[in-house]
Amino acid sequence: SRLLVPGASTPRHATAPIFWHPAPTLAAAARPYITVVKYQREDVLAKLDDFRAEVFSTNWADYLNLVYNVPFWESELDKLTSIVQPYLHEPEVGAKFGEVQELMDVLYQCEDVRDHLNELAELCTRASGFMGTGYAAEEKVENMDEHAKLCAEAYDSLLAKHPNFKPKIEQTVGHGLAVLRQKHKFKWGSMHRYF
């Protein structure tokens, strides 16, 4: 608000009083807000089964599907980790939760290897030039044999460590190796499964 002071040609702004203090509040009246949700054992088992089924049944070789869904799965896994704690000591619940954790570990490892295989295949395609004519070709990957060998070793290692997830490992890493072999010839243990 503006005040017009007699004798002044310009209006002056009104200011708050110097000794103005906020209304006193009672610090002891403030209480923290805490909520606790406890799930029944059957609900926890059902949530673990549903989560495992959703992650296991999706196509791990579809990177766009993973880009869209993995953040939600990670959030759901965080929730599951907290609600499973009261029942973690029970053998059945502990085993199911361990399987879910292994599932996510295998997913991340397969995703990493498959992404690398996709990048290598893309670089091979670009090195052949426009429609394979050599026109506007980019540089070739000089150590492609080493990359292919390391990816094949990762595939064999995943199969050895996680035999229960063999279909998902083959769906991602195995087929990724087969796609790369179309671009660059190399050998690995189970290559004839895909040809």
N, C-alpha and C. Protein backbone atom coordinates (compact mmCIF):
# COMPACT_ATOMS: atom_id res chain seq x y z
N SER A 1 0.85 -1.18 0.00
CA SER A 1 0.00 0.00 0.00
C SER A 1 0.89 1.23 0.00
N ARG A 2 0.37 2.27 -0.56
CA ARG A 2 1.14 3.51 -0.65
C ARG A 2 0.46 4.58 0.21
N LEU A 3 1.26 5.37 0.84
CA LEU A 3 0.76 6.49 1.65
C LEU A 3 1.20 7.79 0.99
N LEU A 4 0.32 8.75 1.02
CA LEU A 4 0.68 10.07 0.51
C LEU A 4 0.95 10.95 1.71
N VAL A 5 2.22 11.30 1.88
CA VAL A 5 2.62 12.14 3.01
C VAL A 5 2.46 13.59 2.59
N PRO A 6 1.82 14.42 3.45
CA PRO A 6 1.65 15.84 3.08
C PRO A 6 3.01 16.49 2.84
N GLY A 7 3.13 17.20 1.80
CA GLY A 7 4.35 17.91 1.46
C GLY A 7 5.30 17.08 0.61
N ALA A 8 5.01 15.82 0.38
CA ALA A 8 5.88 14.98 -0.45
C ALA A 8 5.25 14.83 -1.82
N SER A 9 6.05 14.87 -2.84
CA SER A 9 5.51 14.77 -4.19
C SER A 9 5.34 13.32 -4.64
N THR A 10 6.07 12.40 -4.03
CA THR A 10 5.94 10.99 -4.42
C THR A 10 5.39 10.20 -3.24
N PRO A 11 4.58 9.22 -3.53
CA PRO A 11 4.05 8.40 -2.43
C PRO A 11 5.15 7.51 -1.85
N ARG A 12 5.06 7.19 -0.58
CA ARG A 12 6.01 6.31 0.10
C ARG A 12 5.32 4.99 0.43
N HIS A 13 6.12 3.92 0.45
CA HIS A 13 5.58 2.60 0.78
C HIS A 13 5.44 2.47 2.29
N ALA A 14 4.33 1.88 2.70
CA ALA A 14 4.14 1.59 4.12
C ALA A 14 4.94 0.34 4.47
N THR A 15 5.61 0.34 5.59
CA THR A 15 6.40 -0.82 6.00
C THR A 15 5.79 -1.44 7.24
N ALA A 16 6.16 -2.69 7.48
CA ALA A 16 5.67 -3.39 8.67
C ALA A 16 6.35 -2.81 9.90
N PRO A 17 5.70 -2.91 11.04
CA PRO A 17 6.33 -2.41 12.27
C PRO A 17 7.64 -3.15 12.53
N ILE A 18 8.57 -2.46 13.15
CA ILE A 18 9.89 -3.03 13.38
C ILE A 18 9.84 -4.18 14.38
N PHE A 19 9.00 -4.10 15.38
CA PHE A 19 8.97 -5.10 16.44
C PHE A 19 7.87 -6.14 16.24
N TRP A 20 7.54 -6.42 15.02
CA TRP A 20 6.49 -7.41 14.73
C TRP A 20 7.05 -8.81 14.91
N HIS A 21 6.36 -9.68 15.63
CA HIS A 21 6.79 -11.06 15.88
C HIS A 21 5.68 -12.00 15.47
N PRO A 22 6.04 -13.18 14.96
CA PRO A 22 5.00 -14.15 14.63
C PRO A 22 4.33 -14.67 15.90
N ALA A 23 3.13 -15.20 15.72
CA ALA A 23 2.39 -15.73 16.86
C ALA A 23 3.16 -16.91 17.45
N PRO A 24 3.21 -17.01 18.76
CA PRO A 24 3.96 -18.12 19.37
C PRO A 24 3.28 -19.46 19.09
N THR A 25 4.11 -20.48 18.88
CA THR A 25 3.59 -21.83 18.66
C THR A 25 4.15 -22.75 19.74
N LEU A 26 3.44 -23.79 19.98
CA LEU A 26 3.89 -24.75 20.98
C LEU A 26 4.70 -25.84 20.29
N ALA A 27 5.97 -25.92 20.61
CA ALA A 27 6.83 -26.93 20.01
C ALA A 27 6.46 -28.33 20.49
N ALA A 28 5.96 -28.43 21.68
CA ALA A 28 5.63 -29.74 22.23
C ALA A 28 4.38 -30.33 21.58
N ALA A 29 3.58 -29.50 20.92
CA ALA A 29 2.34 -29.99 20.32
C ALA A 29 2.59 -30.71 18.99
N ALA A 30 3.74 -30.51 18.38
CA ALA A 30 4.04 -31.16 17.09
C ALA A 30 4.40 -32.62 17.33
N ARG A 31 3.75 -33.52 16.60
CA ARG A 31 4.05 -34.95 16.71
C ARG A 31 4.46 -35.48 15.35
N PRO A 32 5.40 -36.41 15.33
CA PRO A 32 5.76 -36.99 14.03
C PRO A 32 4.62 -37.86 13.51
N TYR A 33 4.54 -37.95 12.20
CA TYR A 33 3.50 -38.75 11.55
C TYR A 33 4.14 -40.03 11.03
N ILE A 34 3.76 -41.15 11.57
CA ILE A 34 4.33 -42.43 11.18
C ILE A 34 3.19 -43.39 10.87
N THR A 35 3.33 -44.09 9.76
CA THR A 35 2.35 -45.12 9.43
C THR A 35 3.09 -46.44 9.29
N VAL A 36 2.43 -47.49 9.64
CA VAL A 36 3.01 -48.82 9.54
C VAL A 36 2.00 -49.71 8.84
N VAL A 37 2.46 -50.39 7.80
CA VAL A 37 1.62 -51.34 7.10
C VAL A 37 2.28 -52.70 7.24
N LYS A 38 1.55 -53.63 7.79
CA LYS A 38 2.08 -54.99 7.93
C LYS A 38 1.25 -55.91 7.07
N TYR A 39 1.93 -56.63 6.21
CA TYR A 39 1.25 -57.56 5.32
C TYR A 39 1.23 -58.95 5.95
N GLN A 40 0.18 -59.66 5.68
CA GLN A 40 0.09 -61.05 6.12
C GLN A 40 1.05 -61.90 5.29
N ARG A 41 1.43 -63.02 5.83
CA ARG A 41 2.38 -63.92 5.18
C ARG A 41 1.91 -64.33 3.79
N GLU A 42 0.64 -64.66 3.66
CA GLU A 42 0.08 -65.09 2.38
C GLU A 42 0.14 -63.96 1.35
N ASP A 43 -0.10 -62.72 1.81
CA ASP A 43 -0.03 -61.57 0.91
C ASP A 43 1.40 -61.36 0.41
N VAL A 44 2.36 -61.53 1.30
CA VAL A 44 3.77 -61.36 0.92
C VAL A 44 4.16 -62.41 -0.12
N LEU A 45 3.76 -63.66 0.12
CA LEU A 45 4.07 -64.72 -0.84
C LEU A 45 3.40 -64.47 -2.19
N ALA A 46 2.15 -63.98 -2.15
CA ALA A 46 1.45 -63.69 -3.40
C ALA A 46 2.14 -62.56 -4.16
N LYS A 47 2.58 -61.52 -3.44
CA LYS A 47 3.27 -60.41 -4.10
C LYS A 47 4.61 -60.87 -4.69
N LEU A 48 5.33 -61.71 -3.98
CA LEU A 48 6.58 -62.25 -4.51
C LEU A 48 6.34 -63.08 -5.77
N ASP A 49 5.31 -63.92 -5.73
CA ASP A 49 4.99 -64.75 -6.90
C ASP A 49 4.58 -63.89 -8.09
N ASP A 50 3.75 -62.88 -7.84
CA ASP A 50 3.29 -62.00 -8.92
C ASP A 50 4.46 -61.23 -9.54
N PHE A 51 5.34 -60.72 -8.69
CA PHE A 51 6.49 -59.96 -9.19
C PHE A 51 7.40 -60.86 -10.02
N ARG A 52 7.69 -62.05 -9.50
CA ARG A 52 8.55 -62.99 -10.23
C ARG A 52 7.93 -63.36 -11.57
N ALA A 53 6.63 -63.62 -11.57
CA ALA A 53 5.96 -64.00 -12.82
C ALA A 53 6.00 -62.87 -13.84
N GLU A 54 5.81 -61.64 -13.37
CA GLU A 54 5.81 -60.50 -14.31
C GLU A 54 7.19 -60.30 -14.93
N VAL A 55 8.22 -60.32 -14.11
CA VAL A 55 9.58 -60.08 -14.62
C VAL A 55 10.04 -61.25 -15.49
N PHE A 56 9.75 -62.47 -15.04
CA PHE A 56 10.22 -63.65 -15.77
C PHE A 56 9.51 -63.82 -17.10
N SER A 57 8.26 -63.41 -17.19
CA SER A 57 7.49 -63.65 -18.41
C SER A 57 7.67 -62.59 -19.48
N THR A 58 8.33 -61.50 -19.16
CA THR A 58 8.53 -60.46 -20.16
C THR A 58 9.69 -60.82 -21.09
N ASN A 59 9.75 -60.15 -22.23
CA ASN A 59 10.81 -60.40 -23.20
C ASN A 59 12.04 -59.58 -22.82
N TRP A 60 13.05 -60.24 -22.29
CA TRP A 60 14.27 -59.56 -21.87
C TRP A 60 15.10 -59.08 -23.05
N ALA A 61 14.87 -59.59 -24.22
CA ALA A 61 15.64 -59.18 -25.40
C ALA A 61 15.10 -57.88 -26.00
N ASP A 62 13.93 -57.44 -25.57
CA ASP A 62 13.32 -56.21 -26.07
C ASP A 62 13.79 -55.05 -25.19
N TYR A 63 14.79 -54.31 -25.67
CA TYR A 63 15.38 -53.27 -24.83
C TYR A 63 14.39 -52.17 -24.49
N LEU A 64 13.47 -51.84 -25.40
CA LEU A 64 12.51 -50.78 -25.13
C LEU A 64 11.56 -51.20 -24.01
N ASN A 65 11.16 -52.44 -24.01
CA ASN A 65 10.34 -52.97 -22.93
C ASN A 65 11.06 -52.83 -21.59
N LEU A 66 12.35 -53.13 -21.58
CA LEU A 66 13.13 -53.01 -20.34
C LEU A 66 13.29 -51.56 -19.93
N VAL A 67 13.50 -50.68 -20.90
CA VAL A 67 13.64 -49.25 -20.57
C VAL A 67 12.37 -48.75 -19.90
N TYR A 68 11.23 -49.18 -20.39
CA TYR A 68 9.95 -48.74 -19.82
C TYR A 68 9.66 -49.39 -18.47
N ASN A 69 9.97 -50.66 -18.30
CA ASN A 69 9.50 -51.41 -17.13
C ASN A 69 10.48 -51.53 -15.98
N VAL A 70 11.77 -51.54 -16.23
CA VAL A 70 12.74 -51.79 -15.15
C VAL A 70 12.63 -50.76 -14.02
N PRO A 71 12.44 -49.46 -14.29
CA PRO A 71 12.30 -48.54 -13.15
C PRO A 71 11.12 -48.89 -12.24
N PHE A 72 10.03 -49.35 -12.82
CA PHE A 72 8.87 -49.74 -12.01
C PHE A 72 9.16 -51.03 -11.25
N TRP A 73 9.87 -51.94 -11.88
CA TRP A 73 10.24 -53.18 -11.20
C TRP A 73 11.19 -52.90 -10.03
N GLU A 74 12.11 -51.98 -10.23
CA GLU A 74 13.03 -51.63 -9.14
C GLU A 74 12.28 -51.03 -7.97
N SER A 75 11.31 -50.18 -8.26
CA SER A 75 10.49 -49.59 -7.20
C SER A 75 9.69 -50.67 -6.48
N GLU A 76 9.12 -51.58 -7.23
CA GLU A 76 8.35 -52.67 -6.62
C GLU A 76 9.26 -53.58 -5.80
N LEU A 77 10.48 -53.81 -6.26
CA LEU A 77 11.42 -54.63 -5.51
C LEU A 77 11.79 -53.96 -4.19
N ASP A 78 11.93 -52.64 -4.19
CA ASP A 78 12.19 -51.92 -2.94
C ASP A 78 11.05 -52.12 -1.95
N LYS A 79 9.81 -52.04 -2.44
CA LYS A 79 8.66 -52.26 -1.56
C LYS A 79 8.65 -53.69 -1.04
N LEU A 80 8.91 -54.64 -1.95
CA LEU A 80 8.93 -56.05 -1.53
C LEU A 80 10.02 -56.30 -0.49
N THR A 81 11.16 -55.65 -0.65
CA THR A 81 12.25 -55.83 0.29
C THR A 81 11.84 -55.41 1.70
N SER A 82 11.04 -54.35 1.80
CA SER A 82 10.62 -53.91 3.13
C SER A 82 9.49 -54.76 3.70
N ILE A 83 8.54 -55.19 2.87
CA ILE A 83 7.41 -55.94 3.42
C ILE A 83 7.76 -57.40 3.70
N VAL A 84 8.84 -57.90 3.12
CA VAL A 84 9.22 -59.29 3.33
C VAL A 84 10.04 -59.47 4.62
N GLN A 85 10.54 -58.39 5.18
CA GLN A 85 11.45 -58.48 6.32
C GLN A 85 10.90 -59.28 7.51
N PRO A 86 9.62 -59.09 7.92
CA PRO A 86 9.15 -59.86 9.08
C PRO A 86 9.10 -61.37 8.85
N TYR A 87 9.07 -61.80 7.59
CA TYR A 87 8.92 -63.22 7.29
C TYR A 87 10.18 -63.81 6.64
N LEU A 88 11.23 -63.05 6.58
CA LEU A 88 12.43 -63.48 5.88
C LEU A 88 13.10 -64.69 6.53
N HIS A 89 12.90 -64.86 7.81
CA HIS A 89 13.51 -65.99 8.51
C HIS A 89 12.83 -67.32 8.18
N GLU A 90 11.63 -67.27 7.63
CA GLU A 90 10.93 -68.50 7.28
C GLU A 90 11.54 -69.09 6.01
N PRO A 91 11.72 -70.40 5.97
CA PRO A 91 12.40 -71.01 4.81
C PRO A 91 11.70 -70.75 3.47
N GLU A 92 10.37 -70.86 3.44
CA GLU A 92 9.66 -70.69 2.17
C GLU A 92 9.76 -69.25 1.66
N VAL A 93 9.53 -68.30 2.55
CA VAL A 93 9.58 -66.88 2.16
C VAL A 93 11.01 -66.49 1.80
N GLY A 94 11.97 -66.93 2.61
CA GLY A 94 13.37 -66.62 2.32
C GLY A 94 13.83 -67.17 0.98
N ALA A 95 13.38 -68.39 0.67
CA ALA A 95 13.76 -69.00 -0.61
C ALA A 95 13.14 -68.25 -1.79
N LYS A 96 11.87 -67.86 -1.65
CA LYS A 96 11.21 -67.12 -2.74
C LYS A 96 11.86 -65.76 -2.94
N PHE A 97 12.18 -65.08 -1.85
CA PHE A 97 12.81 -63.77 -1.97
C PHE A 97 14.21 -63.90 -2.55
N GLY A 98 14.94 -64.93 -2.18
CA GLY A 98 16.26 -65.18 -2.77
C GLY A 98 16.17 -65.43 -4.26
N GLU A 99 15.11 -66.14 -4.68
CA GLU A 99 14.92 -66.39 -6.11
C GLU A 99 14.60 -65.10 -6.85
N VAL A 100 13.81 -64.22 -6.23
CA VAL A 100 13.50 -62.93 -6.85
C VAL A 100 14.77 -62.09 -6.98
N GLN A 101 15.61 -62.10 -5.95
CA GLN A 101 16.86 -61.35 -6.03
C GLN A 101 17.78 -61.91 -7.12
N GLU A 102 17.85 -63.22 -7.22
CA GLU A 102 18.67 -63.84 -8.27
C GLU A 102 18.11 -63.50 -9.65
N LEU A 103 16.79 -63.49 -9.76
CA LEU A 103 16.13 -63.13 -11.03
C LEU A 103 16.56 -61.74 -11.48
N MET A 104 16.53 -60.79 -10.57
CA MET A 104 16.91 -59.42 -10.94
C MET A 104 18.40 -59.33 -11.26
N ASP A 105 19.23 -60.06 -10.53
CA ASP A 105 20.67 -60.07 -10.84
C ASP A 105 20.93 -60.61 -12.24
N VAL A 106 20.26 -61.71 -12.58
CA VAL A 106 20.43 -62.31 -13.91
C VAL A 106 19.91 -61.35 -14.98
N LEU A 107 18.79 -60.70 -14.70
CA LEU A 107 18.24 -59.73 -15.66
C LEU A 107 19.26 -58.63 -15.95
N TYR A 108 19.85 -58.05 -14.92
CA TYR A 108 20.82 -56.98 -15.12
C TYR A 108 22.04 -57.46 -15.90
N GLN A 109 22.53 -58.65 -15.58
CA GLN A 109 23.70 -59.17 -16.28
C GLN A 109 23.39 -59.45 -17.75
N CYS A 110 22.24 -60.06 -18.00
CA CYS A 110 21.84 -60.34 -19.39
C CYS A 110 21.63 -59.05 -20.17
N GLU A 111 21.03 -58.08 -19.51
CA GLU A 111 20.79 -56.80 -20.17
C GLU A 111 22.11 -56.13 -20.55
N ASP A 112 23.08 -56.18 -19.67
CA ASP A 112 24.38 -55.56 -19.96
C ASP A 112 25.08 -56.23 -21.14
N VAL A 113 25.11 -57.56 -21.14
CA VAL A 113 25.78 -58.28 -22.23
C VAL A 113 25.04 -58.07 -23.54
N ARG A 114 23.72 -58.12 -23.50
CA ARG A 114 22.94 -57.94 -24.73
C ARG A 114 23.10 -56.53 -25.28
N ASP A 115 23.14 -55.52 -24.42
CA ASP A 115 23.37 -54.16 -24.89
C ASP A 115 24.72 -54.05 -25.59
N HIS A 116 25.73 -54.69 -25.03
CA HIS A 116 27.06 -54.66 -25.66
C HIS A 116 27.03 -55.37 -27.01
N LEU A 117 26.34 -56.51 -27.08
CA LEU A 117 26.22 -57.22 -28.35
C LEU A 117 25.49 -56.38 -29.39
N ASN A 118 24.44 -55.70 -28.98
CA ASN A 118 23.70 -54.83 -29.91
C ASN A 118 24.59 -53.70 -30.43
N GLU A 119 25.40 -53.12 -29.54
CA GLU A 119 26.32 -52.06 -29.97
C GLU A 119 27.34 -52.58 -30.97
N LEU A 120 27.88 -53.77 -30.71
CA LEU A 120 28.85 -54.35 -31.64
C LEU A 120 28.21 -54.63 -33.00
N ALA A 121 27.01 -55.16 -33.00
CA ALA A 121 26.32 -55.44 -34.27
C ALA A 121 26.04 -54.14 -35.02
N GLU A 122 25.68 -53.09 -34.30
CA GLU A 122 25.44 -51.80 -34.94
C GLU A 122 26.73 -51.25 -35.55
N LEU A 123 27.84 -51.38 -34.84
CA LEU A 123 29.12 -50.91 -35.38
C LEU A 123 29.53 -51.70 -36.62
N CYS A 124 29.23 -52.99 -36.63
CA CYS A 124 29.52 -53.81 -37.83
C CYS A 124 28.69 -53.33 -39.01
N THR A 125 27.44 -53.02 -38.77
CA THR A 125 26.56 -52.55 -39.84
C THR A 125 27.06 -51.21 -40.38
N ARG A 126 27.45 -50.31 -39.50
CA ARG A 126 27.93 -49.00 -39.94
C ARG A 126 29.26 -49.11 -40.68
N ALA A 127 30.07 -50.09 -40.31
CA ALA A 127 31.37 -50.26 -40.97
C ALA A 127 31.22 -50.75 -42.41
N SER A 128 30.08 -51.33 -42.75
CA SER A 128 29.88 -51.81 -44.12
C SER A 128 29.39 -50.70 -45.04
N GLY A 129 29.09 -49.53 -44.49
CA GLY A 129 28.67 -48.41 -45.32
C GLY A 129 27.19 -48.42 -45.63
N PHE A 130 26.80 -47.49 -46.50
CA PHE A 130 25.39 -47.33 -46.86
C PHE A 130 24.90 -48.58 -47.60
N MET A 131 23.98 -49.28 -47.00
CA MET A 131 23.37 -50.50 -47.55
C MET A 131 24.42 -51.51 -48.01
N GLY A 132 25.54 -51.57 -47.26
CA GLY A 132 26.57 -52.56 -47.56
C GLY A 132 27.43 -52.24 -48.76
N THR A 133 27.33 -51.02 -49.30
CA THR A 133 28.08 -50.66 -50.51
C THR A 133 29.48 -50.14 -50.21
N GLY A 134 29.76 -49.83 -48.96
CA GLY A 134 31.05 -49.26 -48.62
C GLY A 134 31.05 -47.74 -48.66
N TYR A 135 29.99 -47.13 -49.20
CA TYR A 135 29.89 -45.67 -49.25
C TYR A 135 29.61 -45.13 -47.85
N ALA A 136 30.36 -44.15 -47.43
CA ALA A 136 30.24 -43.51 -46.11
C ALA A 136 30.41 -44.52 -44.98
N ALA A 137 31.30 -45.46 -45.18
CA ALA A 137 31.55 -46.48 -44.15
C ALA A 137 32.32 -45.89 -42.98
N GLU A 138 31.99 -46.35 -41.81
CA GLU A 138 32.72 -45.93 -40.61
C GLU A 138 33.83 -46.94 -40.32
N GLU A 139 34.63 -46.63 -39.34
CA GLU A 139 35.76 -47.50 -39.01
C GLU A 139 35.26 -48.83 -38.45
N LYS A 140 36.00 -49.87 -38.76
CA LYS A 140 35.68 -51.20 -38.24
C LYS A 140 36.22 -51.33 -36.82
N VAL A 141 35.59 -52.18 -36.06
CA VAL A 141 36.10 -52.50 -34.73
C VAL A 141 37.26 -53.47 -34.92
N GLU A 142 38.44 -53.06 -34.50
CA GLU A 142 39.63 -53.85 -34.78
C GLU A 142 39.73 -55.11 -33.93
N ASN A 143 39.20 -55.06 -32.72
CA ASN A 143 39.32 -56.22 -31.83
C ASN A 143 37.96 -56.91 -31.65
N MET A 144 37.27 -57.11 -32.76
CA MET A 144 35.96 -57.74 -32.71
C MET A 144 36.04 -59.17 -32.18
N ASP A 145 37.10 -59.89 -32.53
CA ASP A 145 37.26 -61.27 -32.04
C ASP A 145 37.33 -61.30 -30.51
N GLU A 146 38.04 -60.35 -29.93
CA GLU A 146 38.15 -60.30 -28.47
C GLU A 146 36.79 -60.01 -27.84
N HIS A 147 36.06 -59.06 -28.41
CA HIS A 147 34.72 -58.75 -27.88
C HIS A 147 33.80 -59.95 -27.98
N ALA A 148 33.80 -60.60 -29.12
CA ALA A 148 32.94 -61.76 -29.32
C ALA A 148 33.31 -62.89 -28.35
N LYS A 149 34.60 -63.09 -28.16
CA LYS A 149 35.05 -64.13 -27.23
C LYS A 149 34.61 -63.82 -25.81
N LEU A 150 34.76 -62.57 -25.38
CA LEU A 150 34.35 -62.19 -24.03
C LEU A 150 32.84 -62.33 -23.84
N CYS A 151 32.07 -61.96 -24.85
CA CYS A 151 30.61 -62.11 -24.76
C CYS A 151 30.21 -63.58 -24.70
N ALA A 152 30.89 -64.42 -25.47
CA ALA A 152 30.61 -65.86 -25.43
C ALA A 152 30.99 -66.45 -24.07
N GLU A 153 32.08 -65.97 -23.49
CA GLU A 153 32.46 -66.42 -22.15
C GLU A 153 31.44 -65.97 -21.11
N ALA A 154 30.93 -64.76 -21.26
CA ALA A 154 29.89 -64.27 -20.34
C ALA A 154 28.64 -65.12 -20.46
N TYR A 155 28.30 -65.51 -21.68
CA TYR A 155 27.14 -66.39 -21.92
C TYR A 155 27.32 -67.73 -21.22
N ASP A 156 28.47 -68.35 -21.41
CA ASP A 156 28.75 -69.64 -20.77
C ASP A 156 28.77 -69.51 -19.25
N SER A 157 29.33 -68.42 -18.76
CA SER A 157 29.38 -68.19 -17.32
C SER A 157 27.98 -68.02 -16.73
N LEU A 158 27.14 -67.27 -17.41
CA LEU A 158 25.76 -67.09 -16.94
C LEU A 158 25.01 -68.41 -16.90
N LEU A 159 25.19 -69.22 -17.94
CA LEU A 159 24.52 -70.53 -17.96
C LEU A 159 25.01 -71.43 -16.84
N ALA A 160 26.30 -71.36 -16.54
CA ALA A 160 26.86 -72.21 -15.47
C ALA A 160 26.40 -71.75 -14.09
N LYS A 161 26.36 -70.44 -13.88
CA LYS A 161 25.99 -69.91 -12.56
C LYS A 161 24.49 -69.95 -12.29
N HIS A 162 23.69 -69.79 -13.33
CA HIS A 162 22.24 -69.67 -13.15
C HIS A 162 21.50 -70.64 -14.08
N PRO A 163 21.60 -71.94 -13.83
CA PRO A 163 20.94 -72.90 -14.74
C PRO A 163 19.42 -72.79 -14.73
N ASN A 164 18.83 -72.29 -13.65
CA ASN A 164 17.37 -72.15 -13.60
C ASN A 164 16.84 -71.08 -14.54
N PHE A 165 17.73 -70.21 -15.02
CA PHE A 165 17.31 -69.11 -15.88
C PHE A 165 17.82 -69.30 -17.31
N LYS A 166 18.07 -70.53 -17.69
CA LYS A 166 18.61 -70.83 -19.02
C LYS A 166 17.75 -70.27 -20.15
N PRO A 167 16.40 -70.40 -20.10
CA PRO A 167 15.61 -69.85 -21.21
C PRO A 167 15.78 -68.34 -21.38
N LYS A 168 15.87 -67.62 -20.27
CA LYS A 168 16.01 -66.16 -20.36
C LYS A 168 17.41 -65.77 -20.82
N ILE A 169 18.42 -66.53 -20.40
CA ILE A 169 19.79 -66.25 -20.83
C ILE A 169 19.92 -66.51 -22.33
N GLU A 170 19.32 -67.58 -22.81
CA GLU A 170 19.36 -67.87 -24.25
C GLU A 170 18.57 -66.83 -25.03
N GLN A 171 17.44 -66.38 -24.45
CA GLN A 171 16.61 -65.39 -25.13
C GLN A 171 17.36 -64.08 -25.34
N THR A 172 18.19 -63.71 -24.40
CA THR A 172 18.88 -62.43 -24.50
C THR A 172 20.28 -62.59 -25.06
N VAL A 173 21.15 -63.22 -24.30
CA VAL A 173 22.56 -63.29 -24.68
C VAL A 173 22.78 -64.26 -25.84
N GLY A 174 22.14 -65.42 -25.80
CA GLY A 174 22.31 -66.40 -26.87
C GLY A 174 21.88 -65.87 -28.22
N HIS A 175 20.71 -65.27 -28.26
CA HIS A 175 20.24 -64.72 -29.54
C HIS A 175 21.05 -63.49 -29.94
N GLY A 176 21.54 -62.74 -28.96
CA GLY A 176 22.41 -61.61 -29.27
C GLY A 176 23.71 -62.07 -29.92
N LEU A 177 24.26 -63.18 -29.42
CA LEU A 177 25.45 -63.76 -30.04
C LEU A 177 25.16 -64.23 -31.46
N ALA A 178 23.97 -64.80 -31.66
CA ALA A 178 23.59 -65.26 -33.01
C ALA A 178 23.47 -64.09 -33.97
N VAL A 179 22.92 -62.97 -33.50
CA VAL A 179 22.81 -61.78 -34.35
C VAL A 179 24.20 -61.24 -34.68
N LEU A 180 25.07 -61.21 -33.69
CA LEU A 180 26.43 -60.73 -33.94
C LEU A 180 27.17 -61.65 -34.91
N ARG A 181 26.92 -62.95 -34.83
CA ARG A 181 27.60 -63.89 -35.73
C ARG A 181 27.18 -63.69 -37.18
N GLN A 182 26.01 -63.12 -37.41
CA GLN A 182 25.61 -62.79 -38.78
C GLN A 182 26.46 -61.67 -39.34
N LYS A 183 27.00 -60.84 -38.47
CA LYS A 183 27.82 -59.70 -38.90
C LYS A 183 29.31 -60.03 -38.89
N HIS A 184 29.72 -60.88 -37.95
CA HIS A 184 31.14 -61.20 -37.78
C HIS A 184 31.25 -62.68 -37.41
N LYS A 185 32.04 -63.42 -38.15
CA LYS A 185 32.16 -64.86 -37.92
C LYS A 185 33.10 -65.16 -36.75
N PHE A 186 32.59 -65.89 -35.79
CA PHE A 186 33.36 -66.34 -34.64
C PHE A 186 32.70 -67.61 -34.11
N LYS A 187 33.38 -68.29 -33.21
CA LYS A 187 32.86 -69.56 -32.69
C LYS A 187 32.66 -69.46 -31.19
N TRP A 188 31.61 -70.14 -30.72
CA TRP A 188 31.42 -70.32 -29.29
C TRP A 188 30.73 -71.65 -29.06
N GLY A 189 30.73 -72.10 -27.83
CA GLY A 189 30.34 -73.45 -27.48
C GLY A 189 29.03 -73.96 -28.04
N SER A 190 27.97 -73.21 -27.92
CA SER A 190 26.65 -73.70 -28.33
C SER A 190 26.11 -72.94 -29.53
N MET A 191 27.00 -72.54 -30.43
CA MET A 191 26.57 -71.72 -31.56
C MET A 191 25.66 -72.47 -32.52
N HIS A 192 25.76 -73.78 -32.59
CA HIS A 192 24.94 -74.53 -33.54
C HIS A 192 23.48 -74.65 -33.09
N ARG A 193 23.21 -74.25 -31.88
CA ARG A 193 21.83 -74.24 -31.41
C ARG A 193 21.00 -73.19 -32.16
N TYR A 194 21.64 -72.15 -32.64
CA TYR A 194 20.93 -71.04 -33.28
C TYR A 194 21.00 -71.07 -34.79
N PHE A 195 21.72 -72.05 -35.38
CA PHE A 195 21.86 -72.09 -36.84
C PHE A 195 21.48 -73.45 -37.37
